[in-house]
Amino acid sequence: MRWTLRISFLLFLAWAIFMVSPFVALYDLSKAVEARDMDRITERVNFNALRVSLARQILGEYLKTQDLDGLDRQTAAQAGTATLNPVLEELITPQAVIDLLEDGQLQQMAGAQNGNGALSPIRFDASSLGKAWRTFIMSETQGFRAITIPLPADEPKDKQFKVTLRLRGITWRVTGIELPEPIKEELIKRAAAAAK
């Protein structure tokens, strides 16, 4: 009986550590952003996966705004990808990740947000237990190796970023950031301007 309790306790402890580990990784990333530590940011972000995530979001919205004139969806997607490449190149850098995580917008878009539409930073703030608990409750796991965390948890859904982390080895890495509508709209405008 004693061994059963010990093993059960150790399994529970391992499970609890595993459940908290993505939040610790996100906190570590937020500290790296504050310190502007490019090496730690590069270690915590999978830029190829992030590029695919952002391209999928922006391209889908961009194609909705275009008149395809009988083009099949795949041809239109290829043309849209070529148009979006310059816009995506600006987003897939450690500095762009710092901009997004630091103040909730890209520096190049700082003038795009008006006073009532300004976005909050995507910092994971564990300073209050209530805020950390809300963030934990609102997060969505996708199996054992991926989790999506809405940030900031106190903001309305249309102003939240949804950060997806995926476990690789023993390290949680950012593989996607679902952008709020104001930033998507600005990026689609940029893509349309680049297409002209």
N, C-alpha and C. Protein backbone atom coordinates (compact mmCIF):
# COMPACT_ATOMS: atom_id res chain seq x y z
N MET A 1 0.82 -1.20 0.00
CA MET A 1 0.00 0.00 0.00
C MET A 1 0.87 1.26 0.00
N ARG A 2 1.95 1.25 0.77
CA ARG A 2 2.83 2.41 0.84
C ARG A 2 3.44 2.71 -0.53
N TRP A 3 3.87 1.66 -1.26
CA TRP A 3 4.46 1.86 -2.59
C TRP A 3 3.44 2.39 -3.58
N THR A 4 2.22 1.96 -3.46
CA THR A 4 1.16 2.45 -4.34
C THR A 4 0.96 3.95 -4.13
N LEU A 5 0.94 4.37 -2.87
CA LEU A 5 0.79 5.81 -2.59
C LEU A 5 1.98 6.61 -3.09
N ARG A 6 3.18 6.10 -2.91
CA ARG A 6 4.37 6.80 -3.39
C ARG A 6 4.37 6.92 -4.91
N ILE A 7 4.07 5.83 -5.58
CA ILE A 7 4.04 5.86 -7.05
C ILE A 7 2.94 6.80 -7.53
N SER A 8 1.77 6.75 -6.90
CA SER A 8 0.67 7.65 -7.27
C SER A 8 1.07 9.11 -7.08
N PHE A 9 1.73 9.40 -5.96
CA PHE A 9 2.18 10.77 -5.70
C PHE A 9 3.19 11.22 -6.75
N LEU A 10 4.15 10.36 -7.08
CA LEU A 10 5.17 10.71 -8.09
C LEU A 10 4.54 10.92 -9.46
N LEU A 11 3.56 10.09 -9.81
CA LEU A 11 2.86 10.28 -11.09
C LEU A 11 2.08 11.58 -11.11
N PHE A 12 1.41 11.90 -10.00
CA PHE A 12 0.69 13.16 -9.91
C PHE A 12 1.64 14.35 -10.00
N LEU A 13 2.78 14.26 -9.33
CA LEU A 13 3.78 15.33 -9.36
C LEU A 13 4.33 15.52 -10.78
N ALA A 14 4.62 14.43 -11.47
CA ALA A 14 5.10 14.51 -12.86
C ALA A 14 4.05 15.14 -13.76
N TRP A 15 2.79 14.76 -13.58
CA TRP A 15 1.70 15.33 -14.38
C TRP A 15 1.57 16.83 -14.11
N ALA A 16 1.64 17.24 -12.83
CA ALA A 16 1.51 18.66 -12.48
C ALA A 16 2.65 19.47 -13.09
N ILE A 17 3.86 18.95 -13.03
CA ILE A 17 5.01 19.64 -13.63
C ILE A 17 4.81 19.77 -15.13
N PHE A 18 4.34 18.71 -15.77
CA PHE A 18 4.11 18.74 -17.22
C PHE A 18 3.05 19.78 -17.57
N MET A 19 1.97 19.87 -16.79
CA MET A 19 0.89 20.82 -17.08
C MET A 19 1.33 22.27 -16.93
N VAL A 20 2.26 22.53 -16.03
CA VAL A 20 2.72 23.89 -15.79
C VAL A 20 3.86 24.28 -16.74
N SER A 21 4.55 23.31 -17.30
CA SER A 21 5.77 23.59 -18.08
C SER A 21 5.56 24.52 -19.28
N PRO A 22 4.45 24.45 -20.05
CA PRO A 22 4.33 25.42 -21.15
C PRO A 22 4.19 26.87 -20.67
N PHE A 23 3.59 27.05 -19.51
CA PHE A 23 3.43 28.39 -18.96
C PHE A 23 4.78 28.93 -18.46
N VAL A 24 5.59 28.03 -17.92
CA VAL A 24 6.94 28.42 -17.51
C VAL A 24 7.75 28.82 -18.75
N ALA A 25 7.59 28.05 -19.84
CA ALA A 25 8.31 28.37 -21.08
C ALA A 25 7.85 29.72 -21.64
N LEU A 26 6.54 30.00 -21.58
CA LEU A 26 6.03 31.28 -22.06
C LEU A 26 6.51 32.42 -21.18
N TYR A 27 6.58 32.19 -19.88
CA TYR A 27 7.12 33.19 -18.96
C TYR A 27 8.59 33.46 -19.27
N ASP A 28 9.34 32.38 -19.54
CA ASP A 28 10.75 32.54 -19.90
C ASP A 28 10.89 33.34 -21.19
N LEU A 29 10.01 33.08 -22.16
CA LEU A 29 10.03 33.85 -23.41
C LEU A 29 9.72 35.32 -23.15
N SER A 30 8.75 35.59 -22.26
CA SER A 30 8.44 37.00 -21.97
C SER A 30 9.61 37.71 -21.30
N LYS A 31 10.34 36.99 -20.45
CA LYS A 31 11.54 37.58 -19.84
C LYS A 31 12.64 37.80 -20.88
N ALA A 32 12.76 36.89 -21.85
CA ALA A 32 13.74 37.06 -22.93
C ALA A 32 13.37 38.27 -23.78
N VAL A 33 12.07 38.50 -23.98
CA VAL A 33 11.63 39.66 -24.75
C VAL A 33 11.96 40.95 -24.00
N GLU A 34 11.71 40.96 -22.69
CA GLU A 34 12.05 42.15 -21.90
C GLU A 34 13.54 42.45 -21.95
N ALA A 35 14.35 41.38 -21.92
CA ALA A 35 15.81 41.56 -21.94
C ALA A 35 16.35 41.71 -23.37
N ARG A 36 15.46 41.53 -24.36
CA ARG A 36 15.83 41.57 -25.78
C ARG A 36 16.97 40.58 -26.08
N ASP A 37 16.84 39.39 -25.50
CA ASP A 37 17.81 38.31 -25.66
C ASP A 37 17.46 37.50 -26.91
N MET A 38 18.08 37.84 -28.02
CA MET A 38 17.77 37.22 -29.32
C MET A 38 18.04 35.71 -29.31
N ASP A 39 19.08 35.28 -28.61
CA ASP A 39 19.41 33.84 -28.58
C ASP A 39 18.30 33.04 -27.90
N ARG A 40 17.82 33.51 -26.75
CA ARG A 40 16.74 32.79 -26.07
C ARG A 40 15.45 32.84 -26.86
N ILE A 41 15.19 33.96 -27.53
CA ILE A 41 13.98 34.05 -28.35
C ILE A 41 14.06 33.06 -29.51
N THR A 42 15.21 33.00 -30.16
CA THR A 42 15.40 32.06 -31.26
C THR A 42 15.26 30.62 -30.78
N GLU A 43 15.69 30.36 -29.56
CA GLU A 43 15.58 29.02 -28.98
C GLU A 43 14.13 28.65 -28.69
N ARG A 44 13.31 29.64 -28.34
CA ARG A 44 11.92 29.40 -27.93
C ARG A 44 10.90 29.54 -29.05
N VAL A 45 11.31 29.98 -30.25
CA VAL A 45 10.37 30.19 -31.36
C VAL A 45 10.80 29.35 -32.55
N ASN A 46 9.87 28.57 -33.09
CA ASN A 46 10.10 27.83 -34.33
C ASN A 46 9.63 28.75 -35.47
N PHE A 47 10.56 29.44 -36.10
CA PHE A 47 10.21 30.46 -37.09
C PHE A 47 9.58 29.87 -38.35
N ASN A 48 9.96 28.66 -38.75
CA ASN A 48 9.33 28.04 -39.92
C ASN A 48 7.85 27.75 -39.65
N ALA A 49 7.55 27.17 -38.50
CA ALA A 49 6.16 26.88 -38.16
C ALA A 49 5.37 28.17 -37.96
N LEU A 50 6.00 29.18 -37.38
CA LEU A 50 5.33 30.47 -37.19
C LEU A 50 5.00 31.10 -38.54
N ARG A 51 5.90 30.99 -39.49
CA ARG A 51 5.66 31.52 -40.84
C ARG A 51 4.44 30.86 -41.47
N VAL A 52 4.34 29.53 -41.35
CA VAL A 52 3.20 28.79 -41.92
C VAL A 52 1.91 29.23 -41.24
N SER A 53 1.94 29.37 -39.93
CA SER A 53 0.76 29.79 -39.18
C SER A 53 0.27 31.17 -39.62
N LEU A 54 1.18 32.11 -39.71
CA LEU A 54 0.79 33.47 -40.11
C LEU A 54 0.36 33.52 -41.56
N ALA A 55 1.05 32.78 -42.43
CA ALA A 55 0.68 32.76 -43.85
C ALA A 55 -0.73 32.21 -44.03
N ARG A 56 -1.06 31.16 -43.30
CA ARG A 56 -2.39 30.56 -43.41
C ARG A 56 -3.47 31.56 -43.02
N GLN A 57 -3.25 32.27 -41.92
CA GLN A 57 -4.25 33.25 -41.46
C GLN A 57 -4.41 34.40 -42.45
N ILE A 58 -3.29 34.99 -42.81
CA ILE A 58 -3.33 36.19 -43.64
C ILE A 58 -3.78 35.85 -45.05
N LEU A 59 -3.28 34.75 -45.60
CA LEU A 59 -3.65 34.37 -46.95
C LEU A 59 -5.13 34.06 -47.05
N GLY A 60 -5.67 33.36 -46.06
CA GLY A 60 -7.11 33.05 -46.08
C GLY A 60 -7.95 34.31 -46.11
N GLU A 61 -7.62 35.26 -45.26
CA GLU A 61 -8.36 36.53 -45.23
C GLU A 61 -8.12 37.35 -46.49
N TYR A 62 -6.89 37.35 -46.98
CA TYR A 62 -6.55 38.11 -48.19
C TYR A 62 -7.34 37.60 -49.39
N LEU A 63 -7.44 36.28 -49.53
CA LEU A 63 -8.16 35.71 -50.68
C LEU A 63 -9.65 36.01 -50.62
N LYS A 64 -10.20 36.18 -49.43
CA LYS A 64 -11.61 36.53 -49.29
C LYS A 64 -11.89 37.91 -49.87
N THR A 65 -10.87 38.80 -49.85
CA THR A 65 -11.07 40.17 -50.31
C THR A 65 -10.80 40.32 -51.81
N GLN A 66 -10.29 39.27 -52.46
CA GLN A 66 -9.92 39.37 -53.86
C GLN A 66 -10.98 38.78 -54.77
N ASP A 67 -11.11 39.37 -55.96
CA ASP A 67 -11.99 38.83 -56.99
C ASP A 67 -11.15 37.82 -57.78
N LEU A 68 -11.48 36.55 -57.67
CA LEU A 68 -10.65 35.51 -58.25
C LEU A 68 -10.92 35.26 -59.74
N ASP A 69 -12.00 35.81 -60.30
CA ASP A 69 -12.31 35.71 -61.73
C ASP A 69 -12.09 34.31 -62.29
N GLY A 70 -12.67 33.31 -61.67
CA GLY A 70 -12.61 31.96 -62.21
C GLY A 70 -11.34 31.20 -61.92
N LEU A 71 -10.39 31.80 -61.23
CA LEU A 71 -9.17 31.07 -60.87
C LEU A 71 -9.51 29.99 -59.85
N ASP A 72 -8.86 28.84 -59.98
CA ASP A 72 -9.09 27.84 -58.95
C ASP A 72 -8.38 28.27 -57.66
N ARG A 73 -8.80 27.70 -56.57
CA ARG A 73 -8.31 28.12 -55.25
C ARG A 73 -6.80 27.94 -55.10
N GLN A 74 -6.25 26.85 -55.66
CA GLN A 74 -4.82 26.58 -55.51
C GLN A 74 -3.97 27.61 -56.26
N THR A 75 -4.38 27.96 -57.47
CA THR A 75 -3.65 28.96 -58.24
C THR A 75 -3.71 30.32 -57.53
N ALA A 76 -4.89 30.64 -57.02
CA ALA A 76 -5.04 31.90 -56.29
C ALA A 76 -4.18 31.90 -55.03
N ALA A 77 -4.10 30.75 -54.35
CA ALA A 77 -3.28 30.66 -53.13
C ALA A 77 -1.80 30.84 -53.46
N GLN A 78 -1.36 30.28 -54.59
CA GLN A 78 0.04 30.43 -54.99
C GLN A 78 0.35 31.89 -55.32
N ALA A 79 -0.56 32.54 -56.03
CA ALA A 79 -0.35 33.95 -56.35
C ALA A 79 -0.39 34.80 -55.08
N GLY A 80 -1.30 34.47 -54.18
CA GLY A 80 -1.39 35.20 -52.91
C GLY A 80 -0.15 35.01 -52.06
N THR A 81 0.40 33.80 -52.07
CA THR A 81 1.62 33.53 -51.31
C THR A 81 2.78 34.37 -51.83
N ALA A 82 2.89 34.48 -53.14
CA ALA A 82 3.95 35.31 -53.72
C ALA A 82 3.77 36.77 -53.32
N THR A 83 2.53 37.22 -53.27
CA THR A 83 2.25 38.60 -52.88
C THR A 83 2.55 38.83 -51.40
N LEU A 84 2.24 37.82 -50.58
CA LEU A 84 2.40 37.98 -49.14
C LEU A 84 3.83 37.81 -48.65
N ASN A 85 4.70 37.23 -49.46
CA ASN A 85 6.07 36.97 -49.01
C ASN A 85 6.76 38.19 -48.41
N PRO A 86 6.73 39.35 -49.05
CA PRO A 86 7.40 40.51 -48.43
C PRO A 86 6.80 40.89 -47.08
N VAL A 87 5.48 40.76 -46.95
CA VAL A 87 4.82 41.08 -45.68
C VAL A 87 5.24 40.08 -44.61
N LEU A 88 5.28 38.80 -44.98
CA LEU A 88 5.66 37.76 -44.02
C LEU A 88 7.11 37.87 -43.60
N GLU A 89 7.97 38.28 -44.52
CA GLU A 89 9.38 38.43 -44.18
C GLU A 89 9.58 39.42 -43.03
N GLU A 90 8.73 40.45 -42.98
CA GLU A 90 8.81 41.42 -41.89
C GLU A 90 8.39 40.81 -40.56
N LEU A 91 7.50 39.81 -40.61
CA LEU A 91 6.95 39.23 -39.38
C LEU A 91 7.80 38.12 -38.79
N ILE A 92 8.59 37.46 -39.61
CA ILE A 92 9.29 36.26 -39.17
C ILE A 92 10.75 36.59 -38.84
N THR A 93 10.92 37.46 -37.88
CA THR A 93 12.25 37.80 -37.38
C THR A 93 12.18 37.87 -35.86
N PRO A 94 13.29 37.68 -35.18
CA PRO A 94 13.27 37.84 -33.71
C PRO A 94 12.79 39.23 -33.30
N GLN A 95 13.16 40.28 -34.06
CA GLN A 95 12.74 41.63 -33.70
C GLN A 95 11.23 41.79 -33.82
N ALA A 96 10.61 41.20 -34.86
CA ALA A 96 9.15 41.27 -35.00
C ALA A 96 8.45 40.53 -33.87
N VAL A 97 9.02 39.41 -33.46
CA VAL A 97 8.45 38.67 -32.32
C VAL A 97 8.56 39.52 -31.06
N ILE A 98 9.69 40.20 -30.88
CA ILE A 98 9.83 41.10 -29.73
C ILE A 98 8.76 42.18 -29.79
N ASP A 99 8.56 42.78 -30.96
CA ASP A 99 7.55 43.83 -31.10
C ASP A 99 6.16 43.32 -30.73
N LEU A 100 5.79 42.15 -31.25
CA LEU A 100 4.48 41.60 -30.96
C LEU A 100 4.31 41.28 -29.47
N LEU A 101 5.30 40.63 -28.89
CA LEU A 101 5.18 40.22 -27.50
C LEU A 101 5.34 41.38 -26.52
N GLU A 102 6.07 42.41 -26.94
CA GLU A 102 6.35 43.52 -26.04
C GLU A 102 5.17 44.47 -25.90
N ASP A 103 4.60 44.89 -27.03
CA ASP A 103 3.52 45.87 -26.93
C ASP A 103 2.27 45.51 -27.72
N GLY A 104 2.19 44.27 -28.21
CA GLY A 104 0.97 43.82 -28.86
C GLY A 104 0.79 44.29 -30.28
N GLN A 105 1.82 44.91 -30.87
CA GLN A 105 1.72 45.32 -32.27
C GLN A 105 3.11 45.40 -32.86
N LEU A 106 3.14 45.39 -34.16
CA LEU A 106 4.42 45.55 -34.85
C LEU A 106 4.79 47.02 -34.86
N GLN A 107 6.07 47.33 -34.67
CA GLN A 107 6.49 48.72 -34.65
C GLN A 107 6.13 49.41 -35.96
N GLN A 108 6.22 48.67 -37.08
CA GLN A 108 5.91 49.27 -38.38
C GLN A 108 4.43 49.64 -38.47
N MET A 109 3.60 49.08 -37.56
CA MET A 109 2.17 49.34 -37.59
C MET A 109 1.75 50.25 -36.45
N ALA A 110 2.68 50.84 -35.74
CA ALA A 110 2.34 51.60 -34.53
C ALA A 110 1.30 52.68 -34.80
N GLY A 111 1.34 53.30 -35.96
CA GLY A 111 0.36 54.33 -36.29
C GLY A 111 -0.96 53.78 -36.74
N ALA A 112 -1.05 52.47 -36.96
CA ALA A 112 -2.27 51.88 -37.50
C ALA A 112 -3.36 51.74 -36.44
N GLN A 113 -2.99 51.70 -35.16
CA GLN A 113 -3.98 51.51 -34.10
C GLN A 113 -4.40 52.86 -33.56
N ASN A 114 -5.71 53.07 -33.48
CA ASN A 114 -6.17 54.31 -32.87
C ASN A 114 -6.34 54.10 -31.38
N GLY A 115 -6.69 55.14 -30.66
CA GLY A 115 -6.77 55.05 -29.20
C GLY A 115 -7.69 53.97 -28.68
N ASN A 116 -8.89 53.81 -29.28
CA ASN A 116 -9.81 52.81 -28.75
C ASN A 116 -9.56 51.43 -29.31
N GLY A 117 -8.73 51.30 -30.32
CA GLY A 117 -8.48 49.99 -30.90
C GLY A 117 -7.11 49.44 -30.55
N ALA A 118 -6.39 50.13 -29.67
CA ALA A 118 -5.04 49.69 -29.32
C ALA A 118 -5.08 48.32 -28.66
N LEU A 119 -4.08 47.52 -28.95
CA LEU A 119 -4.00 46.17 -28.42
C LEU A 119 -3.09 46.14 -27.21
N SER A 120 -3.36 45.20 -26.32
CA SER A 120 -2.53 45.03 -25.13
C SER A 120 -1.33 44.17 -25.47
N PRO A 121 -0.28 44.27 -24.67
CA PRO A 121 0.89 43.41 -24.89
C PRO A 121 0.52 41.94 -24.70
N ILE A 122 1.32 41.05 -25.27
CA ILE A 122 1.06 39.63 -25.15
C ILE A 122 1.88 39.04 -24.01
N ARG A 123 2.21 39.80 -23.03
CA ARG A 123 3.04 39.29 -21.94
C ARG A 123 2.26 38.27 -21.13
N PHE A 124 2.98 37.25 -20.71
CA PHE A 124 2.42 36.29 -19.75
C PHE A 124 2.79 36.79 -18.38
N ASP A 125 1.83 37.38 -17.70
CA ASP A 125 2.08 38.00 -16.41
C ASP A 125 1.58 37.07 -15.31
N ALA A 126 2.50 36.49 -14.58
CA ALA A 126 2.14 35.57 -13.50
C ALA A 126 2.15 36.28 -12.15
N SER A 127 2.06 37.62 -12.17
CA SER A 127 2.16 38.37 -10.92
C SER A 127 0.95 38.15 -10.02
N SER A 128 -0.21 37.93 -10.60
CA SER A 128 -1.38 37.68 -9.76
C SER A 128 -1.86 36.25 -10.01
N LEU A 129 -2.21 35.60 -8.95
CA LEU A 129 -2.65 34.22 -9.03
C LEU A 129 -3.95 34.12 -9.83
N GLY A 130 -4.83 35.09 -9.68
CA GLY A 130 -6.11 35.07 -10.41
C GLY A 130 -5.90 35.15 -11.91
N LYS A 131 -5.02 36.04 -12.35
CA LYS A 131 -4.74 36.19 -13.77
C LYS A 131 -4.08 34.92 -14.34
N ALA A 132 -3.14 34.37 -13.58
CA ALA A 132 -2.48 33.13 -14.02
C ALA A 132 -3.49 31.99 -14.10
N TRP A 133 -4.41 31.92 -13.15
CA TRP A 133 -5.43 30.87 -13.16
C TRP A 133 -6.37 31.03 -14.36
N ARG A 134 -6.81 32.26 -14.66
CA ARG A 134 -7.68 32.49 -15.83
C ARG A 134 -6.97 32.09 -17.11
N THR A 135 -5.69 32.42 -17.22
CA THR A 135 -4.92 32.04 -18.40
C THR A 135 -4.85 30.53 -18.52
N PHE A 136 -4.62 29.85 -17.41
CA PHE A 136 -4.54 28.39 -17.41
C PHE A 136 -5.88 27.77 -17.82
N ILE A 137 -6.98 28.27 -17.26
CA ILE A 137 -8.31 27.73 -17.55
C ILE A 137 -8.70 27.98 -19.01
N MET A 138 -8.34 29.14 -19.57
CA MET A 138 -8.73 29.47 -20.95
C MET A 138 -7.86 28.79 -22.00
N SER A 139 -6.73 28.23 -21.59
CA SER A 139 -5.84 27.58 -22.56
C SER A 139 -6.47 26.27 -23.05
N GLU A 140 -6.09 25.89 -24.26
CA GLU A 140 -6.64 24.68 -24.89
C GLU A 140 -5.49 23.76 -25.26
N THR A 141 -5.54 22.54 -24.73
CA THR A 141 -4.51 21.57 -25.09
C THR A 141 -4.93 20.85 -26.35
N GLN A 142 -3.94 20.46 -27.13
CA GLN A 142 -4.17 19.69 -28.35
C GLN A 142 -3.32 18.43 -28.23
N GLY A 143 -3.82 17.49 -27.45
CA GLY A 143 -3.03 16.31 -27.17
C GLY A 143 -2.03 16.63 -26.07
N PHE A 144 -0.96 15.86 -25.99
CA PHE A 144 0.04 16.09 -24.96
C PHE A 144 1.17 16.99 -25.43
N ARG A 145 1.23 17.30 -26.72
CA ARG A 145 2.41 18.00 -27.22
C ARG A 145 2.13 19.41 -27.71
N ALA A 146 0.92 19.90 -27.61
CA ALA A 146 0.63 21.26 -28.09
C ALA A 146 -0.41 21.90 -27.18
N ILE A 147 -0.29 23.21 -27.04
CA ILE A 147 -1.23 23.98 -26.22
C ILE A 147 -1.38 25.37 -26.84
N THR A 148 -2.60 25.89 -26.81
CA THR A 148 -2.87 27.25 -27.28
C THR A 148 -3.29 28.08 -26.08
N ILE A 149 -2.59 29.20 -25.90
CA ILE A 149 -2.81 30.05 -24.74
C ILE A 149 -3.27 31.43 -25.22
N PRO A 150 -4.49 31.86 -24.85
CA PRO A 150 -4.95 33.20 -25.24
C PRO A 150 -4.34 34.25 -24.32
N LEU A 151 -3.77 35.29 -24.93
CA LEU A 151 -3.13 36.36 -24.16
C LEU A 151 -3.53 37.72 -24.68
N PRO A 152 -3.73 38.69 -23.87
CA PRO A 152 -3.95 38.62 -22.44
C PRO A 152 -5.33 38.02 -22.14
N ALA A 153 -5.43 37.27 -21.07
CA ALA A 153 -6.66 36.54 -20.75
C ALA A 153 -7.81 37.48 -20.42
N ASP A 154 -7.52 38.69 -19.96
CA ASP A 154 -8.57 39.62 -19.55
C ASP A 154 -9.19 40.40 -20.71
N GLU A 155 -8.59 40.33 -21.88
CA GLU A 155 -9.08 41.09 -23.03
C GLU A 155 -10.21 40.35 -23.74
N PRO A 156 -11.05 41.07 -24.50
CA PRO A 156 -12.07 40.39 -25.31
C PRO A 156 -11.39 39.53 -26.39
N LYS A 157 -12.10 38.51 -26.86
CA LYS A 157 -11.50 37.55 -27.79
C LYS A 157 -10.98 38.19 -29.07
N ASP A 158 -11.63 39.26 -29.56
CA ASP A 158 -11.17 39.88 -30.80
C ASP A 158 -9.88 40.68 -30.62
N LYS A 159 -9.46 40.89 -29.38
CA LYS A 159 -8.20 41.61 -29.13
C LYS A 159 -7.13 40.68 -28.55
N GLN A 160 -7.43 39.40 -28.46
CA GLN A 160 -6.47 38.45 -27.90
C GLN A 160 -5.59 37.86 -28.99
N PHE A 161 -4.36 37.60 -28.62
CA PHE A 161 -3.46 36.79 -29.42
C PHE A 161 -3.61 35.37 -28.89
N LYS A 162 -3.54 34.38 -29.75
CA LYS A 162 -3.55 32.99 -29.29
C LYS A 162 -2.21 32.39 -29.66
N VAL A 163 -1.40 32.16 -28.65
CA VAL A 163 -0.04 31.66 -28.83
C VAL A 163 -0.08 30.14 -28.72
N THR A 164 0.40 29.46 -29.76
CA THR A 164 0.46 28.01 -29.75
C THR A 164 1.90 27.58 -29.48
N LEU A 165 2.05 26.73 -28.48
CA LEU A 165 3.36 26.16 -28.15
C LEU A 165 3.31 24.66 -28.40
N ARG A 166 4.41 24.15 -28.88
CA ARG A 166 4.51 22.71 -29.16
C ARG A 166 5.77 22.18 -28.49
N LEU A 167 5.63 21.00 -27.89
CA LEU A 167 6.74 20.37 -27.19
C LEU A 167 7.63 19.65 -28.19
N ARG A 168 8.91 20.00 -28.17
CA ARG A 168 9.89 19.31 -29.00
C ARG A 168 11.04 18.90 -28.09
N GLY A 169 11.19 17.61 -27.92
CA GLY A 169 12.16 17.12 -26.94
C GLY A 169 11.67 17.48 -25.55
N ILE A 170 12.41 18.33 -24.86
CA ILE A 170 11.97 18.79 -23.54
C ILE A 170 11.74 20.31 -23.53
N THR A 171 11.65 20.91 -24.71
CA THR A 171 11.49 22.36 -24.83
C THR A 171 10.17 22.71 -25.51
N TRP A 172 9.42 23.61 -24.88
CA TRP A 172 8.21 24.14 -25.50
C TRP A 172 8.63 25.31 -26.39
N ARG A 173 8.17 25.29 -27.65
CA ARG A 173 8.51 26.36 -28.60
C ARG A 173 7.24 26.94 -29.20
N VAL A 174 7.26 28.24 -29.46
CA VAL A 174 6.13 28.90 -30.12
C VAL A 174 6.10 28.44 -31.57
N THR A 175 4.96 27.89 -31.99
CA THR A 175 4.81 27.44 -33.38
C THR A 175 3.72 28.21 -34.11
N GLY A 176 3.00 29.05 -33.41
CA GLY A 176 1.96 29.83 -34.05
C GLY A 176 1.47 30.95 -33.16
N ILE A 177 1.09 32.04 -33.80
CA ILE A 177 0.46 33.15 -33.10
C ILE A 177 -0.74 33.55 -33.93
N GLU A 178 -1.94 33.31 -33.38
CA GLU A 178 -3.15 33.74 -34.08
C GLU A 178 -3.35 35.22 -33.77
N LEU A 179 -3.36 36.01 -34.83
CA LEU A 179 -3.40 37.47 -34.67
C LEU A 179 -4.82 37.97 -34.46
N PRO A 180 -4.99 39.05 -33.69
CA PRO A 180 -6.31 39.67 -33.57
C PRO A 180 -6.68 40.37 -34.87
N GLU A 181 -7.96 40.62 -35.03
CA GLU A 181 -8.48 41.18 -36.28
C GLU A 181 -7.82 42.49 -36.72
N PRO A 182 -7.57 43.46 -35.83
CA PRO A 182 -6.96 44.72 -36.31
C PRO A 182 -5.60 44.51 -36.99
N ILE A 183 -4.79 43.61 -36.47
CA ILE A 183 -3.47 43.37 -37.08
C ILE A 183 -3.64 42.61 -38.39
N LYS A 184 -4.56 41.63 -38.43
CA LYS A 184 -4.81 40.91 -39.69
C LYS A 184 -5.24 41.88 -40.78
N GLU A 185 -6.15 42.79 -40.44
CA GLU A 185 -6.65 43.75 -41.43
C GLU A 185 -5.52 44.63 -41.96
N GLU A 186 -4.64 45.08 -41.06
CA GLU A 186 -3.53 45.92 -41.50
C GLU A 186 -2.58 45.14 -42.41
N LEU A 187 -2.32 43.89 -42.09
CA LEU A 187 -1.43 43.07 -42.92
C LEU A 187 -2.05 42.78 -44.28
N ILE A 188 -3.36 42.61 -44.33
CA ILE A 188 -4.05 42.40 -45.62
C ILE A 188 -3.96 43.67 -46.46
N LYS A 189 -4.07 44.84 -45.83
CA LYS A 189 -3.91 46.11 -46.56
C LYS A 189 -2.50 46.21 -47.13
N ARG A 190 -1.52 45.81 -46.33
CA ARG A 190 -0.13 45.83 -46.82
C ARG A 190 0.04 44.89 -48.01
N ALA A 191 -0.56 43.70 -47.91
CA ALA A 191 -0.45 42.74 -49.00
C ALA A 191 -1.11 43.29 -50.26
N ALA A 192 -2.25 43.93 -50.12
CA ALA A 192 -2.93 44.52 -51.28
C ALA A 192 -2.10 45.64 -51.88
N ALA A 193 -1.45 46.45 -51.03
CA ALA A 193 -0.58 47.52 -51.54
C ALA A 193 0.63 46.95 -52.23
N ALA A 194 1.18 45.84 -51.72
CA ALA A 194 2.35 45.22 -52.34
C ALA A 194 1.99 44.58 -53.68
N ALA A 195 0.73 44.18 -53.85
CA ALA A 195 0.29 43.53 -55.09
C ALA A 195 0.14 44.55 -56.23
N LYS A 196 0.01 45.82 -55.90
CA LYS A 196 -0.22 46.84 -56.94
C LYS A 196 1.07 47.22 -57.63
